[in-house]
């Protein structure tokens, strides 16, 4: 491989190509509890008013008219509605969430009321708030709850449950087959001299899950072009990720194999460091391939550069929040390339984790994000951050 990392597609352009190279996958209907962190393919509307009845927003007494009030009974959440209408001067002790009796003007909170006498007379100042949630004040039946394209965060899942939703239509998760190439790679245990552990299995599985996909196949392949060709043509997933065969060494067969099986490169090398020899290709039948460099940190950079944007589009995650912070640290840049470095987020700034090397994951494992340092960046200048410790989306 040439040492000139400025060759290849500019980093931001490569990332944009990956995001635009596919489209959201078709929808499938799943139970709401199974839909967390997936993307709605169809809008959801309320099946009932929210709330469904006038309910107490505080523990206290539902009161009618001016006080003091005679306590006529008690209402617990989930109990049958009060029969009849409260008359002026009457109160019902009530718990949060219980249906307020007809005629109630307000709920007097416990901390604002005083009870006197054996018959239970309560007095207190109502103040300016009624502490009653009126039926339909949040949503009326048929109102839009959540539009298509929204990520099903915990709050969104809870809102849909409030609206009576049991199942949702979400975009299918993109399925990924991972092919880890290299005669020296072992899948478990402590490597012997000349061997290395497969780090891409667990690392890529995590990258794929964070982008909304799922790894459905994971194979170790010897450095044999015939084996690689057979694995690529036999893959029945949406995306194939290949590690360790995208450079230009004697054991790097990916480009030749792609040419023989009718694949088409859409990104051939990226002007970044580490991760320069990464590739994106279209396989026969419309499947996509991402080639990841074999060095672990370089492979991680390629994963966030090409693999994750591709998968997010397939999963329907068409919006991506961007975070920019000043980045502090001593980083040597090379003209014409983008450098990605691990950083720790400290309040309103990011600090470079020192010692990052293409073959080492120590810096990235200690980091919160990768800072994208373009040509011309200087210490203290703002830079885009890509999350490593969880999505901010």
Protein backbone atom coordinates (compact mmCIF):
# COMPACT_ATOMS: atom_id res chain seq x y z
CA UNK A 1 0.00 0.00 0.00
CA UNK A 2 1.23 3.48 -0.78
CA UNK A 3 2.22 5.60 2.22
CA UNK A 4 0.45 8.59 0.67
CA UNK A 5 -2.70 8.75 2.79
CA UNK A 6 -3.95 11.82 0.89
CA UNK A 7 -4.98 9.56 -1.99
CA UNK A 8 -8.51 8.25 -2.00
CA UNK A 9 -11.89 9.84 -1.35
CA UNK A 10 -11.99 12.75 1.15
CA UNK A 11 -13.23 11.51 4.51
CA UNK A 12 -16.47 13.52 4.64
CA UNK A 13 -17.30 12.68 1.05
CA UNK A 14 -16.72 8.98 1.70
CA UNK A 15 -19.02 9.07 4.69
CA UNK A 16 -21.72 10.83 2.68
CA UNK A 17 -21.41 8.27 -0.13
CA UNK A 18 -21.88 5.44 2.37
CA UNK A 19 -24.98 7.06 3.88
CA UNK A 20 -26.50 7.67 0.44
CA UNK A 21 -25.63 4.28 -1.06
CA UNK A 22 -28.75 2.54 0.23
CA UNK A 23 -32.24 3.30 1.51
CA UNK A 24 -34.33 2.31 4.56
CA UNK A 25 -35.23 -1.37 4.58
CA UNK A 26 -38.89 -2.47 4.42
CA UNK A 27 -41.08 -2.39 7.52
CA UNK A 28 -42.02 -5.21 9.84
CA UNK A 29 -44.52 -5.18 12.71
CA UNK A 30 -43.18 -6.00 16.17
CA UNK A 31 -44.53 -5.78 19.73
CA UNK A 32 -43.83 -2.40 21.29
CA UNK A 33 -41.48 -3.78 23.99
CA UNK A 34 -39.30 -5.29 21.23
CA UNK A 35 -39.08 -2.07 19.24
CA UNK A 36 -36.74 -0.02 21.45
CA UNK A 37 -33.99 1.83 19.53
CA UNK A 38 -35.53 0.97 16.17
CA UNK A 39 -37.10 3.49 13.77
CA UNK A 40 -40.80 3.91 13.12
CA UNK A 41 -41.75 3.18 9.52
CA UNK A 42 -45.34 4.36 9.99
CA UNK A 43 -46.79 7.17 12.07
CA UNK A 44 -48.67 6.29 15.27
CA UNK A 45 -51.85 8.05 16.41
CA UNK A 46 -53.53 8.01 19.80
CA UNK A 47 -56.17 5.31 20.22
CA UNK A 48 -57.80 7.23 23.08
CA UNK A 49 -57.74 10.64 24.73
CA UNK A 50 -54.71 11.33 26.91
CA UNK A 51 -55.54 11.37 29.71
CA UNK A 52 -58.71 9.41 29.22
CA UNK A 53 -60.55 11.13 32.09
CA UNK A 54 -60.17 14.12 34.38
CA UNK A 55 -57.58 12.85 36.88
CA UNK A 56 -55.83 14.13 39.98
CA UNK A 57 -52.29 15.40 39.44
CA UNK A 58 -51.52 15.44 43.18
CA UNK A 59 -52.39 13.48 46.32
CA UNK A 60 -54.90 15.48 48.34
CA UNK A 61 -58.61 16.33 48.23
CA UNK A 62 -60.82 16.99 45.23
CA UNK A 63 -62.96 19.95 46.27
CA UNK A 64 -66.03 21.82 45.01
CA UNK A 65 -66.84 25.43 45.80
CA UNK A 66 -65.13 27.52 48.49
CA UNK A 67 -63.74 25.92 51.66
CA UNK A 68 -63.80 24.64 54.24
CA UNK A 69 -64.97 21.32 52.80
CA UNK A 70 -66.62 18.29 54.33
CA UNK A 71 -64.76 15.09 53.37
CA UNK A 72 -67.35 12.76 51.81
CA UNK A 73 -65.14 9.78 50.90
CA UNK A 74 -61.89 8.55 49.36
CA UNK A 75 -60.77 7.78 45.80
CA UNK A 76 -57.77 5.61 44.95
CA UNK A 77 -56.10 5.30 41.55
CA UNK A 78 -57.77 2.52 39.58
CA UNK A 79 -61.01 2.67 41.59
CA UNK A 80 -64.40 3.01 39.91
CA UNK A 81 -65.37 6.64 39.26
CA UNK A 82 -67.21 8.50 42.04
CA UNK A 83 -70.98 8.20 41.74
CA UNK A 84 -72.75 11.53 41.61
CA UNK A 85 -71.51 15.09 41.64
CA UNK A 86 -69.64 16.93 44.36
CA UNK A 87 -71.69 19.77 45.81
CA UNK A 88 -70.17 23.04 46.90
CA UNK A 89 -68.42 22.61 50.24
CA UNK A 90 -67.76 18.90 49.68
CA UNK A 91 -64.41 17.13 49.22
CA UNK A 92 -63.18 13.64 48.40
CA UNK A 93 -59.75 12.46 49.51
CA UNK A 94 -57.99 11.46 46.29
CA UNK A 95 -54.73 9.91 45.10
CA UNK A 96 -52.66 10.91 42.06
CA UNK A 97 -54.08 9.37 38.91
CA UNK A 98 -57.57 8.74 40.31
CA UNK A 99 -60.57 10.03 38.35
CA UNK A 100 -61.82 13.23 40.00
CA UNK A 101 -65.54 13.34 40.82
CA UNK A 102 -67.82 15.40 38.64
CA UNK A 103 -68.13 18.91 40.00
CA UNK A 104 -64.55 19.07 41.27
CA UNK A 105 -62.98 22.50 40.84
CA UNK A 106 -59.48 21.62 42.02
CA UNK A 107 -57.35 19.25 44.04
CA UNK A 108 -56.08 20.66 47.33
CA UNK A 109 -52.66 18.99 47.93
CA UNK A 110 -52.06 17.30 51.28
CA UNK A 111 -49.33 19.76 52.16
CA UNK A 112 -51.72 22.70 51.66
CA UNK A 113 -54.66 21.29 53.66
CA UNK A 114 -55.58 20.86 57.32
CA UNK A 115 -58.12 18.32 58.59
CA UNK A 116 -60.19 19.11 61.68
CA UNK A 117 -62.97 17.36 63.56
CA UNK A 118 -64.16 13.81 63.78
CA UNK A 119 -66.27 14.17 60.64
CA UNK A 120 -63.20 15.27 58.61
CA UNK A 121 -63.43 18.86 57.59
CA UNK A 122 -60.54 20.09 55.49
CA UNK A 123 -59.48 23.66 54.92
CA UNK A 124 -56.66 25.33 53.00
CA UNK A 125 -55.73 27.76 50.23
CA UNK A 126 -56.18 26.46 46.69
CA UNK A 127 -53.72 28.77 44.99
CA UNK A 128 -53.60 29.32 41.25
CA UNK A 129 -53.37 25.74 40.00
CA UNK A 130 -56.18 23.19 39.89
CA UNK A 131 -53.89 20.10 39.97
CA UNK A 132 -56.38 18.35 37.69
CA UNK A 133 -55.31 16.86 34.38
CA UNK A 134 -58.26 17.29 32.05
CA UNK A 135 -59.29 14.54 29.62
CA UNK A 136 -57.54 14.92 26.27
CA UNK A 137 -55.37 17.82 27.34
CA UNK A 138 -52.23 16.06 26.05
CA UNK A 139 -53.68 14.27 23.02
CA UNK A 140 -57.15 13.65 21.68
CA UNK A 141 -58.06 10.33 20.12
CA UNK A 142 -56.66 10.26 16.58
CA UNK A 143 -53.98 12.87 17.22
CA UNK A 144 -50.50 12.17 15.92
CA UNK A 145 -48.36 10.72 18.69
CA UNK A 146 -45.12 10.00 16.85
CA UNK A 147 -44.24 10.61 13.21
CA UNK A 148 -42.57 8.06 10.96
CA UNK A 149 -38.80 8.25 11.08
CA UNK A 150 -38.53 8.71 14.84
CA UNK A 151 -36.14 6.60 16.87
CA UNK A 152 -37.98 4.61 19.53
CA UNK A 153 -36.27 6.01 22.60
CA UNK A 154 -37.50 5.06 26.09
CA UNK A 155 -39.69 8.19 26.23
CA UNK A 156 -41.20 7.49 22.80
CA UNK A 157 -41.95 3.87 23.79
CA UNK A 158 -43.66 5.11 26.95
CA UNK A 159 -45.75 7.66 25.06
CA UNK A 160 -46.92 5.04 22.58
CA UNK A 161 -47.95 2.76 25.43
CA UNK A 162 -49.91 5.65 26.99
CA UNK A 163 -51.67 6.08 23.65
CA UNK A 164 -52.83 2.45 23.62
CA UNK A 165 -50.30 1.21 21.05
CA UNK A 166 -49.41 -2.50 21.29
CA UNK A 167 -47.47 -3.10 18.06
CA UNK A 168 -45.50 -0.80 15.77
CA UNK A 169 -44.19 -0.90 12.21
CA UNK A 170 -40.42 -0.42 12.23
CA UNK A 171 -37.74 -0.67 9.59
CA UNK A 172 -36.12 -4.08 9.45
CA UNK A 173 -32.69 -4.29 11.01
CA UNK A 174 -29.92 -4.59 8.40
CA UNK A 175 -28.25 -7.98 8.59
CA UNK A 176 -24.46 -8.13 8.43
CA UNK A 177 -22.11 -11.03 7.73
CA UNK A 178 -18.59 -10.50 9.03
CA UNK A 179 -15.64 -12.15 7.31
CA UNK A 180 -12.37 -11.88 9.23
CA UNK A 181 -9.45 -12.80 6.97
CA UNK A 182 -5.93 -13.78 7.90
CA UNK A 183 -3.96 -16.99 8.41
CA UNK A 184 -2.73 -15.57 11.72
CA UNK A 185 -6.18 -14.91 13.25
CA UNK A 186 -7.59 -17.17 15.99
CA UNK A 187 -11.09 -16.92 17.45
CA UNK A 188 -10.44 -17.65 21.12
CA UNK A 189 -7.78 -18.09 23.74
CA UNK A 190 -4.29 -16.64 24.04
CA UNK A 191 -2.47 -16.21 20.70
CA UNK A 192 0.79 -18.09 20.19
CA UNK A 193 3.80 -16.49 18.56
CA UNK A 194 2.77 -15.14 15.15
CA UNK A 195 -0.95 -15.30 15.96
CA UNK A 196 -3.48 -12.58 16.83
CA UNK A 197 -6.94 -12.69 18.37
CA UNK A 198 -9.97 -11.83 16.29
CA UNK A 199 -10.89 -8.40 17.66
CA UNK A 200 -13.27 -7.66 14.79
CA UNK A 201 -15.91 -10.14 15.92
CA UNK A 202 -16.79 -8.35 19.15
CA UNK A 203 -15.88 -4.87 17.87
CA UNK A 204 -17.89 -4.99 14.66
CA UNK A 205 -20.83 -6.64 16.42
CA UNK A 206 -20.94 -3.63 18.76
CA UNK A 207 -20.54 -1.12 15.92
CA UNK A 208 -23.35 -2.79 13.98
CA UNK A 209 -25.70 -2.87 16.98
CA UNK A 210 -25.07 0.82 17.72
CA UNK A 211 -26.07 1.67 14.14
CA UNK A 212 -29.31 -0.35 14.31
CA UNK A 213 -28.17 -3.56 12.65
CA UNK A 214 -27.39 -7.12 13.69
CA UNK A 215 -24.52 -9.49 12.85
CA UNK A 216 -26.04 -12.75 11.66
CA UNK A 217 -22.87 -14.49 10.51
CA UNK A 218 -19.22 -14.37 11.54
CA UNK A 219 -16.50 -16.42 9.85
CA UNK A 220 -12.71 -16.62 10.03
CA UNK A 221 -11.15 -17.12 6.59
CA UNK A 222 -7.62 -18.05 5.59
CA UNK A 223 -5.90 -15.72 3.12
CA UNK A 224 -7.29 -17.56 0.10
CA UNK A 225 -9.02 -15.69 -2.75
CA UNK A 226 -11.17 -18.70 -3.58
CA UNK A 227 -12.51 -18.91 -0.03
CA UNK A 228 -13.20 -15.18 -0.01
CA UNK A 229 -15.02 -15.31 -3.35
CA UNK A 230 -17.18 -18.21 -2.19
CA UNK A 231 -18.04 -16.41 1.05
CA UNK A 232 -18.99 -13.21 -0.76
CA UNK A 233 -21.17 -14.91 -3.37
CA UNK A 234 -22.82 -17.12 -0.75
CA UNK A 235 -23.67 -14.37 1.73
CA UNK A 236 -27.42 -13.83 2.08
CA UNK A 237 -27.26 -10.70 4.24
CA UNK A 238 -27.77 -7.03 3.39
CA UNK A 239 -24.14 -6.10 4.08
CA UNK A 240 -20.87 -8.03 4.13
CA UNK A 241 -18.05 -6.60 6.25
CA UNK A 242 -14.58 -7.92 5.43
CA UNK A 243 -11.57 -7.23 7.62
CA UNK A 244 -7.92 -7.57 6.75
CA UNK A 245 -8.05 -7.88 2.96
CA UNK A 246 -8.50 -4.31 1.71
CA UNK A 247 -4.88 -3.13 1.55
CA UNK A 248 -2.34 -3.82 -1.19
CA UNK A 249 -0.21 -6.61 0.29
CA UNK A 250 0.30 -10.06 -1.21
CA UNK A 251 -2.37 -11.51 1.08
CA UNK A 252 -4.93 -8.75 0.37
CA UNK A 253 -7.23 -10.25 -2.25
CA UNK A 254 -10.42 -8.22 -1.87
CA UNK A 255 -10.12 -5.98 -4.93
CA UNK A 256 -9.21 -8.85 -7.26
CA UNK A 257 -12.04 -10.97 -5.90
CA UNK A 258 -14.54 -8.14 -6.29
CA UNK A 259 -13.49 -7.74 -9.91
CA UNK A 260 -13.90 -11.47 -10.61
CA UNK A 261 -17.37 -11.78 -9.05
CA UNK A 262 -18.73 -8.59 -10.64
CA UNK A 263 -18.54 -6.27 -7.67
CA UNK A 264 -18.26 -2.51 -8.12
CA UNK A 265 -16.15 -0.26 -5.91
CA UNK A 266 -17.85 3.00 -4.93
CA UNK A 267 -15.22 4.12 -2.42
CA UNK A 268 -11.66 2.92 -2.98
CA UNK A 269 -9.49 4.18 -0.11
CA UNK A 270 -10.26 7.19 2.06
CA UNK A 271 -8.00 10.17 2.66
CA UNK A 272 -7.81 9.68 6.40
CA UNK A 273 -5.49 8.33 9.03
CA UNK A 274 -5.77 5.71 10.36
CA UNK A 275 -8.08 3.68 8.14
CA UNK A 276 -6.83 4.72 4.70
CA UNK A 277 -7.28 1.35 2.88
CA UNK A 278 -11.01 1.01 3.57
CA UNK A 279 -13.45 0.33 0.73
CA UNK A 280 -17.16 0.37 -0.06
CA UNK A 281 -18.53 -1.76 -2.87
CA UNK A 282 -21.76 -2.98 -4.40
CA UNK A 283 -22.06 -6.74 -4.81
CA UNK A 284 -24.17 -8.54 -7.41
CA UNK A 285 -27.82 -8.47 -6.39
CA UNK A 286 -27.56 -5.08 -4.67
CA UNK A 287 -25.85 -6.15 -1.47
CA UNK A 288 -23.19 -3.85 -0.02
CA UNK A 289 -19.66 -4.63 1.11
CA UNK A 290 -17.46 -2.67 3.48
CA UNK A 291 -13.75 -3.48 3.59
CA UNK A 292 -12.08 -2.75 6.92
CA UNK A 293 -8.30 -2.50 7.38
CA UNK A 294 -6.84 -5.30 9.48
CA UNK A 295 -5.20 -3.09 12.11
CA UNK A 296 -7.75 -2.84 14.95
CA UNK A 297 -7.89 0.95 15.45
CA UNK A 298 -7.79 1.53 11.69
CA UNK A 299 -10.67 -0.96 11.38
CA UNK A 300 -12.63 0.92 14.04
CA UNK A 301 -12.16 4.19 12.14
CA UNK A 302 -13.37 2.51 8.96
CA UNK A 303 -16.35 1.18 10.86
CA UNK A 304 -17.52 4.65 11.87
CA UNK A 305 -16.59 6.10 8.47
CA UNK A 306 -18.33 3.69 6.08
CA UNK A 307 -20.09 0.85 7.89
CA UNK A 308 -22.15 2.78 10.42
CA UNK A 309 -23.50 5.46 8.02
CA UNK A 310 -24.54 2.71 5.59
CA UNK A 311 -26.32 0.74 8.31
CA UNK A 312 -28.02 3.79 9.81
CA UNK A 313 -29.61 4.55 6.47
CA UNK A 314 -30.80 0.97 6.08
CA UNK A 315 -32.23 1.02 9.62
CA UNK A 316 -34.11 4.26 8.86
CA UNK A 317 -31.90 6.46 11.03
CA UNK A 318 -31.77 9.33 8.59
CA UNK A 319 -31.02 12.01 11.19
CA UNK A 320 -27.73 12.19 13.01
CA UNK A 321 -27.07 14.75 15.72
CA UNK A 322 -23.70 16.44 15.45
CA UNK A 323 -21.54 17.49 18.36
CA UNK A 324 -18.67 19.92 17.99
CA UNK A 325 -16.36 20.87 20.81
CA UNK A 326 -12.95 22.53 21.13
CA UNK A 327 -10.30 19.81 21.05
CA UNK A 328 -7.15 20.15 23.10
CA UNK A 329 -4.01 18.07 22.67
CA UNK A 330 -0.82 17.59 20.74
CA UNK A 331 -1.67 16.03 17.37
CA UNK A 332 0.53 16.03 14.29
CA UNK A 333 -1.48 16.49 11.10
CA UNK A 334 -0.49 15.64 7.56
CA UNK A 335 -1.59 17.89 4.74
CA UNK A 336 -4.51 16.69 2.67
CA UNK A 337 -5.89 14.09 5.09
CA UNK A 338 -8.39 13.89 7.92
CA UNK A 339 -7.08 12.47 11.17
CA UNK A 340 -9.33 10.71 13.68
CA UNK A 341 -8.10 10.65 17.25
CA UNK A 342 -9.66 9.32 20.48
CA UNK A 343 -10.77 12.00 22.95
CA UNK A 344 -12.30 12.28 26.39
CA UNK A 345 -15.16 14.75 26.76
CA UNK A 346 -14.56 17.03 29.74
CA UNK A 347 -17.42 19.48 30.12
CA UNK A 348 -17.37 21.90 27.18
CA UNK A 349 -14.19 20.56 25.62
CA UNK A 350 -12.56 17.35 24.40
CA UNK A 351 -9.04 16.23 25.31
CA UNK A 352 -6.96 13.96 23.10
CA UNK A 353 -6.09 10.55 24.57
CA UNK A 354 -2.36 10.20 23.82
CA UNK A 355 -0.62 7.26 22.28
CA UNK A 356 -3.21 6.10 19.73
CA UNK A 357 -1.73 3.79 17.09
CA UNK A 358 -3.38 1.94 14.15
CA UNK A 359 -2.78 -1.49 15.70
CA UNK A 360 -3.77 -0.57 19.26
CA UNK A 361 -7.25 -0.12 20.73
CA UNK A 362 -6.07 1.15 24.12
CA UNK A 363 -6.66 4.82 23.32
CA UNK A 364 -10.07 4.24 21.74
CA UNK A 365 -11.15 2.01 24.63
CA UNK A 366 -10.35 4.82 27.07
CA UNK A 367 -12.14 7.45 24.98
CA UNK A 368 -15.67 8.83 24.75
CA UNK A 369 -15.46 9.77 21.08
CA UNK A 370 -13.31 10.15 18.00
CA UNK A 371 -12.47 13.73 17.08
CA UNK A 372 -12.44 14.43 13.35
CA UNK A 373 -9.46 16.70 12.74
CA UNK A 374 -9.43 18.17 9.26
CA UNK A 375 -6.40 19.64 7.55
CA UNK A 376 -5.79 23.04 9.14
CA UNK A 377 -7.08 22.18 12.60
CA UNK A 378 -5.08 23.70 15.48
CA UNK A 379 -5.19 22.79 19.20
CA UNK A 380 -8.19 24.45 20.83
CA UNK A 381 -10.20 24.70 17.61
CA UNK A 382 -13.62 23.03 17.44
CA UNK A 383 -13.97 19.66 15.73
CA UNK A 384 -16.74 17.16 15.06
CA UNK A 385 -17.01 14.28 17.53
CA UNK A 386 -18.18 10.76 16.70
CA UNK A 387 -19.45 8.89 19.79
CA UNK A 388 -17.76 5.73 20.99
CA UNK A 389 -19.50 5.44 24.37
CA UNK A 390 -23.09 5.64 23.11
CA UNK A 391 -25.18 7.49 20.50
CA UNK A 392 -26.20 11.11 20.94
CA UNK A 393 -28.97 11.01 18.38
